[in-house]
């Protein structure tokens, strides 16, 4: 991880990786920016999607072989997640 962060800084890119509680390679010059906090919130949202796909969508271990079939299964699970999310968003707006 340290090498990755150093390479990003060498090419003048701000690394938006998670900061560890102890011994982190991410220091104050990174976390002081407002964009870092936004990036971490968005990261959490993305991780929730992959967590849903692993538990509910059945992608903890793939049942298929080959990139096309695995890709098809991934797209199907992503579509199912979007439909569930659309349903939840519609019910939230109906309440308001």
PDB file of N, CA and C in Angstrom:
ATOM      1  N   UNK A   1       0.828  -1.191   0.000  1.00  0.00           N
ATOM      2  CA  UNK A   1       0.000   0.000   0.000  1.00  0.00           C
ATOM      3  C   UNK A   1       0.871   1.252   0.000  1.00  0.00           C
ATOM      4  N   UNK A   2       1.944   1.215   0.755  1.00  0.00           N
ATOM      5  CA  UNK A   2       2.809   2.386   0.846  1.00  0.00           C
ATOM      6  C   UNK A   2       3.368   2.756  -0.532  1.00  0.00           C
ATOM      7  N   UNK A   3       3.806   1.751  -1.278  1.00  0.00           N
ATOM      8  CA  UNK A   3       4.343   2.011  -2.615  1.00  0.00           C
ATOM      9  C   UNK A   3       3.296   2.595  -3.548  1.00  0.00           C
ATOM     10  N   UNK A   4       2.061   2.096  -3.445  1.00  0.00           N
ATOM     11  CA  UNK A   4       0.966   2.595  -4.270  1.00  0.00           C
ATOM     12  C   UNK A   4       0.711   4.072  -3.994  1.00  0.00           C
ATOM     13  N   UNK A   5       0.647   4.429  -2.711  1.00  0.00           N
ATOM     14  CA  UNK A   5       0.392   5.826  -2.328  1.00  0.00           C
ATOM     15  C   UNK A   5       1.549   6.715  -2.778  1.00  0.00           C
ATOM     16  N   UNK A   6       2.771   6.237  -2.628  1.00  0.00           N
ATOM     17  CA  UNK A   6       3.933   7.024  -3.051  1.00  0.00           C
ATOM     18  C   UNK A   6       3.926   7.261  -4.558  1.00  0.00           C
ATOM     19  N   UNK A   7       3.569   6.245  -5.333  1.00  0.00           N
ATOM     20  CA  UNK A   7       3.509   6.411  -6.793  1.00  0.00           C
ATOM     21  C   UNK A   7       2.434   7.419  -7.189  1.00  0.00           C
ATOM     22  N   UNK A   8       1.299   7.364  -6.495  1.00  0.00           N
ATOM     23  CA  UNK A   8       0.243   8.346  -6.778  1.00  0.00           C
ATOM     24  C   UNK A   8       0.726   9.760  -6.490  1.00  0.00           C
ATOM     25  N   UNK A   9       1.412   9.937  -5.374  1.00  0.00           N
ATOM     26  CA  UNK A   9       1.904  11.271  -5.028  1.00  0.00           C
ATOM     27  C   UNK A   9       2.991  11.735  -5.995  1.00  0.00           C
ATOM     28  N   UNK A  10       3.790  10.792  -6.505  1.00  0.00           N
ATOM     29  CA  UNK A  10       4.821  11.148  -7.485  1.00  0.00           C
ATOM     30  C   UNK A  10       4.217  11.740  -8.755  1.00  0.00           C
ATOM     31  N   UNK A  11       3.043  11.227  -9.147  1.00  0.00           N
ATOM     32  CA  UNK A  11       2.405  11.751 -10.363  1.00  0.00           C
ATOM     33  C   UNK A  11       1.362  12.818 -10.031  1.00  0.00           C
ATOM     34  N   UNK A  12       1.437  13.343  -8.792  1.00  0.00           N
ATOM     35  CA  UNK A  12       0.602  14.448  -8.323  1.00  0.00           C
ATOM     36  C   UNK A  12      -0.892  14.100  -8.307  1.00  0.00           C
ATOM     37  N   UNK A  13      -1.204  12.905  -7.810  1.00  0.00           N
ATOM     38  CA  UNK A  13      -2.579  12.458  -7.642  1.00  0.00           C
ATOM     39  C   UNK A  13      -2.815  12.255  -6.147  1.00  0.00           C
ATOM     40  N   UNK A  14      -3.916  12.760  -5.638  1.00  0.00           N
ATOM     41  CA  UNK A  14      -4.234  12.592  -4.228  1.00  0.00           C
ATOM     42  C   UNK A  14      -4.833  11.208  -4.012  1.00  0.00           C
ATOM     43  N   UNK A  15      -4.208  10.386  -3.172  1.00  0.00           N
ATOM     44  CA  UNK A  15      -4.734   9.038  -2.941  1.00  0.00           C
ATOM     45  C   UNK A  15      -5.972   9.076  -2.051  1.00  0.00           C
ATOM     46  N   UNK A  16      -7.032   8.436  -2.477  1.00  0.00           N
ATOM     47  CA  UNK A  16      -8.259   8.406  -1.701  1.00  0.00           C
ATOM     48  C   UNK A  16      -8.512   6.987  -1.202  1.00  0.00           C
ATOM     49  N   UNK A  17      -7.527   6.409  -0.557  1.00  0.00           N
ATOM     50  CA  UNK A  17      -7.686   5.096   0.048  1.00  0.00           C
ATOM     51  C   UNK A  17      -8.056   5.291   1.508  1.00  0.00           C
ATOM     52  N   UNK A  18      -8.577   4.248   2.132  1.00  0.00           N
ATOM     53  CA  UNK A  18      -9.014   4.358   3.526  1.00  0.00           C
ATOM     54  C   UNK A  18      -7.820   4.563   4.445  1.00  0.00           C
ATOM     55  N   UNK A  19      -8.046   5.378   5.462  1.00  0.00           N
ATOM     56  CA  UNK A  19      -7.002   5.649   6.446  1.00  0.00           C
ATOM     57  C   UNK A  19      -7.137   4.647   7.587  1.00  0.00           C
ATOM     58  N   UNK A  20      -6.036   3.973   7.926  1.00  0.00           N
ATOM     59  CA  UNK A  20      -6.041   3.039   9.050  1.00  0.00           C
ATOM     60  C   UNK A  20      -5.940   3.830  10.353  1.00  0.00           C
ATOM     61  N   UNK A  21      -6.341   3.208  11.434  1.00  0.00           N
ATOM     62  CA  UNK A  21      -6.264   3.881  12.734  1.00  0.00           C
ATOM     63  C   UNK A  21      -4.834   3.986  13.221  1.00  0.00           C
ATOM     64  N   UNK A  22      -4.004   2.988  12.924  1.00  0.00           N
ATOM     65  CA  UNK A  22      -2.606   2.989  13.362  1.00  0.00           C
ATOM     66  C   UNK A  22      -1.708   2.717  12.169  1.00  0.00           C
ATOM     67  N   UNK A  23      -0.645   3.445  12.070  1.00  0.00           N
ATOM     68  CA  UNK A  23       0.356   3.198  11.038  1.00  0.00           C
ATOM     69  C   UNK A  23      -0.132   3.385   9.610  1.00  0.00           C
ATOM     70  N   UNK A  24      -0.989   4.343   9.394  1.00  0.00           N
ATOM     71  CA  UNK A  24      -1.536   4.565   8.066  1.00  0.00           C
ATOM     72  C   UNK A  24      -0.566   5.348   7.191  1.00  0.00           C
ATOM     73  N   UNK A  25      -0.593   5.063   5.890  1.00  0.00           N
ATOM     74  CA  UNK A  25       0.231   5.815   4.948  1.00  0.00           C
ATOM     75  C   UNK A  25      -0.468   7.106   4.527  1.00  0.00           C
ATOM     76  N   UNK A  26      -1.739   7.244   4.898  1.00  0.00           N
ATOM     77  CA  UNK A  26      -2.503   8.454   4.601  1.00  0.00           C
ATOM     78  C   UNK A  26      -2.327   9.414   5.784  1.00  0.00           C
ATOM     79  N   UNK A  27      -1.866  10.610   5.502  1.00  0.00           N
ATOM     80  CA  UNK A  27      -1.601  11.576   6.569  1.00  0.00           C
ATOM     81  C   UNK A  27      -2.507  12.800   6.438  1.00  0.00           C
ATOM     82  N   UNK A  28      -2.223  13.828   7.207  1.00  0.00           N
ATOM     83  CA  UNK A  28      -3.070  15.024   7.275  1.00  0.00           C
ATOM     84  C   UNK A  28      -3.180  15.761   5.945  1.00  0.00           C
ATOM     85  N   UNK A  29      -2.146  15.715   5.129  1.00  0.00           N
ATOM     86  CA  UNK A  29      -2.245  16.462   3.865  1.00  0.00           C
ATOM     87  C   UNK A  29      -3.298  15.875   2.932  1.00  0.00           C
ATOM     88  N   UNK A  30      -3.686  14.636   3.164  1.00  0.00           N
ATOM     89  CA  UNK A  30      -4.729  14.019   2.348  1.00  0.00           C
ATOM     90  C   UNK A  30      -6.100  14.215   2.965  1.00  0.00           C
ATOM     91  N   UNK A  31      -6.224  13.941   4.265  1.00  0.00           N
ATOM     92  CA  UNK A  31      -7.554  13.958   4.882  1.00  0.00           C
ATOM     93  C   UNK A  31      -8.068  15.354   5.169  1.00  0.00           C
ATOM     94  N   UNK A  32      -7.247  16.374   5.024  1.00  0.00           N
ATOM     95  CA  UNK A  32      -7.717  17.737   5.299  1.00  0.00           C
ATOM     96  C   UNK A  32      -8.623  18.263   4.189  1.00  0.00           C
ATOM     97  N   UNK A  33      -8.590  17.647   3.016  1.00  0.00           N
ATOM     98  CA  UNK A  33      -9.403  18.101   1.893  1.00  0.00           C
ATOM     99  C   UNK A  33     -10.842  17.600   2.027  1.00  0.00           C
ATOM    100  N   UNK A  34     -11.790  18.428   1.652  1.00  0.00           N
ATOM    101  CA  UNK A  34     -13.201  18.043   1.725  1.00  0.00           C
ATOM    102  C   UNK A  34     -13.502  16.888   0.772  1.00  0.00           C
ATOM    103  N   UNK A  35     -12.786  16.817  -0.327  1.00  0.00           N
ATOM    104  CA  UNK A  35     -13.005  15.750  -1.301  1.00  0.00           C
ATOM    105  C   UNK A  35     -12.707  14.373  -0.744  1.00  0.00           C
ATOM    106  N   UNK A  36     -11.800  14.274   0.222  1.00  0.00           N
ATOM    107  CA  UNK A  36     -11.466  12.986   0.818  1.00  0.00           C
ATOM    108  C   UNK A  36     -12.662  12.443   1.595  1.00  0.00           C
ATOM    109  N   UNK A  37     -13.331  13.302   2.363  1.00  0.00           N
ATOM    110  CA  UNK A  37     -14.502  12.863   3.127  1.00  0.00           C
ATOM    111  C   UNK A  37     -15.622  12.419   2.192  1.00  0.00           C
ATOM    112  N   UNK A  38     -15.832  13.169   1.121  1.00  0.00           N
ATOM    113  CA  UNK A  38     -16.851  12.794   0.137  1.00  0.00           C
ATOM    114  C   UNK A  38     -16.496  11.451  -0.482  1.00  0.00           C
ATOM    115  N   UNK A  39     -15.227  11.282  -0.828  1.00  0.00           N
ATOM    116  CA  UNK A  39     -14.767  10.039  -1.434  1.00  0.00           C
ATOM    117  C   UNK A  39     -15.020   8.849  -0.521  1.00  0.00           C
ATOM    118  N   UNK A  40     -14.809   9.000   0.770  1.00  0.00           N
ATOM    119  CA  UNK A  40     -15.016   7.893   1.701  1.00  0.00           C
ATOM    120  C   UNK A  40     -16.492   7.560   1.859  1.00  0.00           C
ATOM    121  N   UNK A  41     -17.386   8.560   1.795  1.00  0.00           N
ATOM    122  CA  UNK A  41     -18.826   8.284   1.853  1.00  0.00           C
ATOM    123  C   UNK A  41     -19.273   7.530   0.613  1.00  0.00           C
ATOM    124  N   UNK A  42     -18.793   7.951  -0.557  1.00  0.00           N
ATOM    125  CA  UNK A  42     -19.151   7.278  -1.806  1.00  0.00           C
ATOM    126  C   UNK A  42     -18.599   5.861  -1.800  1.00  0.00           C
ATOM    127  N   UNK A  43     -17.391   5.696  -1.279  1.00  0.00           N
ATOM    128  CA  UNK A  43     -16.779   4.373  -1.189  1.00  0.00           C
ATOM    129  C   UNK A  43     -17.650   3.432  -0.370  1.00  0.00           C
ATOM    130  N   UNK A  44     -18.186   3.923   0.742  1.00  0.00           N
ATOM    131  CA  UNK A  44     -19.058   3.102   1.580  1.00  0.00           C
ATOM    132  C   UNK A  44     -20.289   2.668   0.800  1.00  0.00           C
ATOM    133  N   UNK A  45     -20.857   3.564   0.024  1.00  0.00           N
ATOM    134  CA  UNK A  45     -22.036   3.250  -0.771  1.00  0.00           C
ATOM    135  C   UNK A  45     -21.727   2.151  -1.798  1.00  0.00           C
ATOM    136  N   UNK A  46     -20.575   2.243  -2.427  1.00  0.00           N
ATOM    137  CA  UNK A  46     -20.183   1.242  -3.419  1.00  0.00           C
ATOM    138  C   UNK A  46     -19.934  -0.105  -2.741  1.00  0.00           C
ATOM    139  N   UNK A  47     -19.280  -0.088  -1.586  1.00  0.00           N
ATOM    140  CA  UNK A  47     -19.016  -1.335  -0.862  1.00  0.00           C
ATOM    141  C   UNK A  47     -20.321  -2.005  -0.433  1.00  0.00           C
ATOM    142  N   UNK A  48     -21.343  -1.218  -0.103  1.00  0.00           N
ATOM    143  CA  UNK A  48     -22.639  -1.801   0.252  1.00  0.00           C
ATOM    144  C   UNK A  48     -23.242  -2.554  -0.919  1.00  0.00           C
ATOM    145  N   UNK A  49     -23.074  -2.031  -2.117  1.00  0.00           N
ATOM    146  CA  UNK A  49     -23.600  -2.699  -3.318  1.00  0.00           C
ATOM    147  C   UNK A  49     -22.926  -4.047  -3.494  1.00  0.00           C
ATOM    148  N   UNK A  50     -21.598  -4.075  -3.396  1.00  0.00           N
ATOM    149  CA  UNK A  50     -20.889  -5.338  -3.566  1.00  0.00           C
ATOM    150  C   UNK A  50     -21.226  -6.307  -2.432  1.00  0.00           C
ATOM    151  N   UNK A  51     -21.442  -5.807  -1.236  1.00  0.00           N
ATOM    152  CA  UNK A  51     -21.862  -6.662  -0.130  1.00  0.00           C
ATOM    153  C   UNK A  51     -23.213  -7.291  -0.409  1.00  0.00           C
ATOM    154  N   UNK A  52     -24.156  -6.500  -0.941  1.00  0.00           N
ATOM    155  CA  UNK A  52     -25.473  -7.026  -1.293  1.00  0.00           C
ATOM    156  C   UNK A  52     -25.339  -8.086  -2.367  1.00  0.00           C
ATOM    157  N   UNK A  53     -24.499  -7.823  -3.361  1.00  0.00           N
ATOM    158  CA  UNK A  53     -24.338  -8.785  -4.449  1.00  0.00           C
ATOM    159  C   UNK A  53     -23.731 -10.103  -3.948  1.00  0.00           C
ATOM    160  N   UNK A  54     -22.879 -10.023  -2.935  1.00  0.00           N
ATOM    161  CA  UNK A  54     -22.282 -11.244  -2.406  1.00  0.00           C
ATOM    162  C   UNK A  54     -23.274 -12.043  -1.562  1.00  0.00           C
ATOM    163  N   UNK A  55     -24.065 -11.351  -0.750  1.00  0.00           N
ATOM    164  CA  UNK A  55     -24.975 -12.068   0.144  1.00  0.00           C
ATOM    165  C   UNK A  55     -26.282 -12.427  -0.555  1.00  0.00           C
ATOM    166  N   UNK A  56     -27.016 -11.448  -1.011  1.00  0.00           N
ATOM    167  CA  UNK A  56     -28.325 -11.674  -1.607  1.00  0.00           C
ATOM    168  C   UNK A  56     -28.202 -12.134  -3.065  1.00  0.00           C
ATOM    169  N   UNK A  57     -27.289 -11.525  -3.791  1.00  0.00           N
ATOM    170  CA  UNK A  57     -27.138 -11.841  -5.209  1.00  0.00           C
ATOM    171  C   UNK A  57     -26.403 -13.132  -5.500  1.00  0.00           C
ATOM    172  N   UNK A  58     -25.858 -13.777  -4.484  1.00  0.00           N
ATOM    173  CA  UNK A  58     -25.226 -15.074  -4.674  1.00  0.00           C
ATOM    174  C   UNK A  58     -23.866 -15.046  -5.329  1.00  0.00           C
ATOM    175  N   UNK A  59     -23.132 -13.963  -5.170  1.00  0.00           N
ATOM    176  CA  UNK A  59     -21.820 -13.854  -5.819  1.00  0.00           C
ATOM    177  C   UNK A  59     -20.652 -14.045  -4.855  1.00  0.00           C
ATOM    178  N   UNK A  60     -20.908 -14.718  -3.746  1.00  0.00           N
ATOM    179  CA  UNK A  60     -19.797 -15.039  -2.860  1.00  0.00           C
ATOM    180  C   UNK A  60     -18.834 -15.970  -3.599  1.00  0.00           C
ATOM    181  N   UNK A  61     -19.415 -16.926  -4.316  1.00  0.00           N
ATOM    182  CA  UNK A  61     -18.634 -17.835  -5.148  1.00  0.00           C
ATOM    183  C   UNK A  61     -19.428 -18.033  -6.434  1.00  0.00           C
ATOM    184  N   UNK A  62     -18.809 -17.763  -7.556  1.00  0.00           N
ATOM    185  CA  UNK A  62     -19.537 -17.839  -8.821  1.00  0.00           C
ATOM    186  C   UNK A  62     -19.888 -19.278  -9.177  1.00  0.00           C
ATOM    187  N   UNK A  63     -21.001 -19.427  -9.838  1.00  0.00           N
ATOM    188  CA  UNK A  63     -21.468 -20.742 -10.255  1.00  0.00           C
ATOM    189  C   UNK A  63     -21.146 -21.007 -11.717  1.00  0.00           C
ATOM    190  N   UNK A  64     -20.468 -20.062 -12.353  1.00  0.00           N
ATOM    191  CA  UNK A  64     -20.220 -20.152 -13.791  1.00  0.00           C
ATOM    192  C   UNK A  64     -18.729 -20.146 -14.086  1.00  0.00           C
ATOM    193  N   UNK A  65     -18.409 -20.601 -15.295  1.00  0.00           N
ATOM    194  CA  UNK A  65     -17.035 -20.555 -15.787  1.00  0.00           C
ATOM    195  C   UNK A  65     -17.025 -19.732 -17.066  1.00  0.00           C
ATOM    196  N   UNK A  66     -15.974 -18.952 -17.221  1.00  0.00           N
ATOM    197  CA  UNK A  66     -15.857 -18.122 -18.413  1.00  0.00           C
ATOM    198  C   UNK A  66     -16.275 -16.695 -18.141  1.00  0.00           C
ATOM    199  N   UNK A  67     -15.562 -15.779 -18.785  1.00  0.00           N
ATOM    200  CA  UNK A  67     -15.815 -14.363 -18.506  1.00  0.00           C
ATOM    201  C   UNK A  67     -17.187 -13.907 -18.977  1.00  0.00           C
ATOM    202  N   UNK A  68     -17.677 -14.462 -20.075  1.00  0.00           N
ATOM    203  CA  UNK A  68     -18.988 -14.026 -20.562  1.00  0.00           C
ATOM    204  C   UNK A  68     -20.100 -14.447 -19.616  1.00  0.00           C
ATOM    205  N   UNK A  69     -20.054 -15.687 -19.152  1.00  0.00           N
ATOM    206  CA  UNK A  69     -21.103 -16.158 -18.250  1.00  0.00           C
ATOM    207  C   UNK A  69     -21.029 -15.485 -16.881  1.00  0.00           C
ATOM    208  N   UNK A  70     -19.829 -15.302 -16.362  1.00  0.00           N
ATOM    209  CA  UNK A  70     -19.679 -14.607 -15.083  1.00  0.00           C
ATOM    210  C   UNK A  70     -20.141 -13.159 -15.236  1.00  0.00           C
ATOM    211  N   UNK A  71     -19.802 -12.535 -16.359  1.00  0.00           N
ATOM    212  CA  UNK A  71     -20.246 -11.168 -16.625  1.00  0.00           C
ATOM    213  C   UNK A  71     -21.757 -11.068 -16.713  1.00  0.00           C
ATOM    214  N   UNK A  72     -22.374 -12.061 -17.352  1.00  0.00           N
ATOM    215  CA  UNK A  72     -23.829 -12.078 -17.456  1.00  0.00           C
ATOM    216  C   UNK A  72     -24.465 -12.192 -16.072  1.00  0.00           C
ATOM    217  N   UNK A  73     -23.916 -13.061 -15.229  1.00  0.00           N
ATOM    218  CA  UNK A  73     -24.450 -13.225 -13.878  1.00  0.00           C
ATOM    219  C   UNK A  73     -24.262 -11.942 -13.068  1.00  0.00           C
ATOM    220  N   UNK A  74     -23.121 -11.286 -13.232  1.00  0.00           N
ATOM    221  CA  UNK A  74     -22.867 -10.026 -12.538  1.00  0.00           C
ATOM    222  C   UNK A  74     -23.879  -8.965 -12.984  1.00  0.00           C
ATOM    223  N   UNK A  75     -24.107  -8.866 -14.283  1.00  0.00           N
ATOM    224  CA  UNK A  75     -25.074  -7.887 -14.793  1.00  0.00           C
ATOM    225  C   UNK A  75     -26.480  -8.182 -14.286  1.00  0.00           C
ATOM    226  N   UNK A  76     -26.831  -9.455 -14.193  1.00  0.00           N
ATOM    227  CA  UNK A  76     -28.146  -9.826 -13.675  1.00  0.00           C
ATOM    228  C   UNK A  76     -28.287  -9.412 -12.209  1.00  0.00           C
ATOM    229  N   UNK A  77     -27.251  -9.665 -11.408  1.00  0.00           N
ATOM    230  CA  UNK A  77     -27.294  -9.275  -9.994  1.00  0.00           C
ATOM    231  C   UNK A  77     -27.329  -7.752  -9.851  1.00  0.00           C
ATOM    232  N   UNK A  78     -26.571  -7.045 -10.688  1.00  0.00           N
ATOM    233  CA  UNK A  78     -26.573  -5.577 -10.632  1.00  0.00           C
ATOM    234  C   UNK A  78     -27.942  -5.032 -11.025  1.00  0.00           C
ATOM    235  N   UNK A  79     -28.577  -5.651 -11.999  1.00  0.00           N
ATOM    236  CA  UNK A  79     -29.918  -5.235 -12.410  1.00  0.00           C
ATOM    237  C   UNK A  79     -30.917  -5.468 -11.282  1.00  0.00           C
ATOM    238  N   UNK A  80     -30.801  -6.613 -10.628  1.00  0.00           N
ATOM    239  CA  UNK A  80     -31.694  -6.916  -9.503  1.00  0.00           C
ATOM    240  C   UNK A  80     -31.497  -5.888  -8.388  1.00  0.00           C
ATOM    241  N   UNK A  81     -30.244  -5.538  -8.109  1.00  0.00           N
ATOM    242  CA  UNK A  81     -29.974  -4.535  -7.075  1.00  0.00           C
ATOM    243  C   UNK A  81     -30.605  -3.196  -7.457  1.00  0.00           C
ATOM    244  N   UNK A  82     -30.466  -2.811  -8.714  1.00  0.00           N
ATOM    245  CA  UNK A  82     -31.052  -1.538  -9.161  1.00  0.00           C
ATOM    246  C   UNK A  82     -32.569  -1.553  -9.032  1.00  0.00           C
ATOM    247  N   UNK A  83     -33.203  -2.676  -9.346  1.00  0.00           N
ATOM    248  CA  UNK A  83     -34.660  -2.763  -9.206  1.00  0.00           C
ATOM    249  C   UNK A  83     -35.079  -2.641  -7.739  1.00  0.00           C
ATOM    250  N   UNK A  84     -34.352  -3.291  -6.853  1.00  0.00           N
ATOM    251  CA  UNK A  84     -34.652  -3.175  -5.423  1.00  0.00           C
ATOM    252  C   UNK A  84     -34.455  -1.741  -4.967  1.00  0.00           C
ATOM    253  N   UNK A  85     -33.384  -1.127  -5.415  1.00  0.00           N
ATOM    254  CA  UNK A  85     -33.113   0.259  -5.019  1.00  0.00           C
ATOM    255  C   UNK A  85     -34.185   1.207  -5.566  1.00  0.00           C
ATOM    256  N   UNK A  86     -34.619   0.989  -6.799  1.00  0.00           N
ATOM    257  CA  UNK A  86     -35.680   1.825  -7.374  1.00  0.00           C
ATOM    258  C   UNK A  86     -36.972   1.677  -6.574  1.00  0.00           C
ATOM    259  N   UNK A  87     -37.287   0.451  -6.168  1.00  0.00           N
ATOM    260  CA  UNK A  87     -38.479   0.232  -5.353  1.00  0.00           C
ATOM    261  C   UNK A  87     -38.371   0.986  -4.036  1.00  0.00           C
ATOM    262  N   UNK A  88     -37.207   0.902  -3.402  1.00  0.00           N
ATOM    263  CA  UNK A  88     -37.025   1.586  -2.122  1.00  0.00           C
ATOM    264  C   UNK A  88     -37.091   3.102  -2.283  1.00  0.00           C
ATOM    265  N   UNK A  89     -36.493   3.613  -3.355  1.00  0.00           N
ATOM    266  CA  UNK A  89     -36.555   5.066  -3.596  1.00  0.00           C
ATOM    267  C   UNK A  89     -37.971   5.523  -3.882  1.00  0.00           C
ATOM    268  N   UNK A  90     -38.730   4.725  -4.622  1.00  0.00           N
ATOM    269  CA  UNK A  90     -40.118   5.076  -4.935  1.00  0.00           C
ATOM    270  C   UNK A  90     -40.972   5.092  -3.671  1.00  0.00           C
ATOM    271  N   UNK A  91     -40.733   4.147  -2.786  1.00  0.00           N
ATOM    272  CA  UNK A  91     -41.525   4.133  -1.544  1.00  0.00           C
ATOM    273  C   UNK A  91     -41.132   5.290  -0.628  1.00  0.00           C
ATOM    274  N   UNK A  92     -39.883   5.696  -0.659  1.00  0.00           N
ATOM    275  CA  UNK A  92     -39.462   6.861   0.143  1.00  0.00           C
ATOM    276  C   UNK A  92     -40.105   8.138  -0.358  1.00  0.00           C
ATOM    277  N   UNK A  93     -40.173   8.320  -1.676  1.00  0.00           N
ATOM    278  CA  UNK A  93     -40.762   9.528  -2.225  1.00  0.00           C
ATOM    279  C   UNK A  93     -42.285   9.527  -2.052  1.00  0.00           C
ATOM    280  N   UNK A  94     -42.901   8.352  -2.013  1.00  0.00           N
ATOM    281  CA  UNK A  94     -44.349   8.286  -1.809  1.00  0.00           C
ATOM    282  C   UNK A  94     -44.708   8.708  -0.390  1.00  0.00           C
ATOM    283  N   UNK A  95     -43.819   8.444   0.544  1.00  0.00           N
ATOM    284  CA  UNK A  95     -44.057   8.831   1.937  1.00  0.00           C
ATOM    285  C   UNK A  95     -43.958  10.339   2.086  1.00  0.00           C
ATOM    286  N   UNK A  96     -43.020  10.933   1.366  1.00  0.00           N
ATOM    287  CA  UNK A  96     -42.821  12.379   1.475  1.00  0.00           C
ATOM    288  C   UNK A  96     -43.988  13.061   0.830  1.00  0.00           C
TER     289      UNK A  96
END
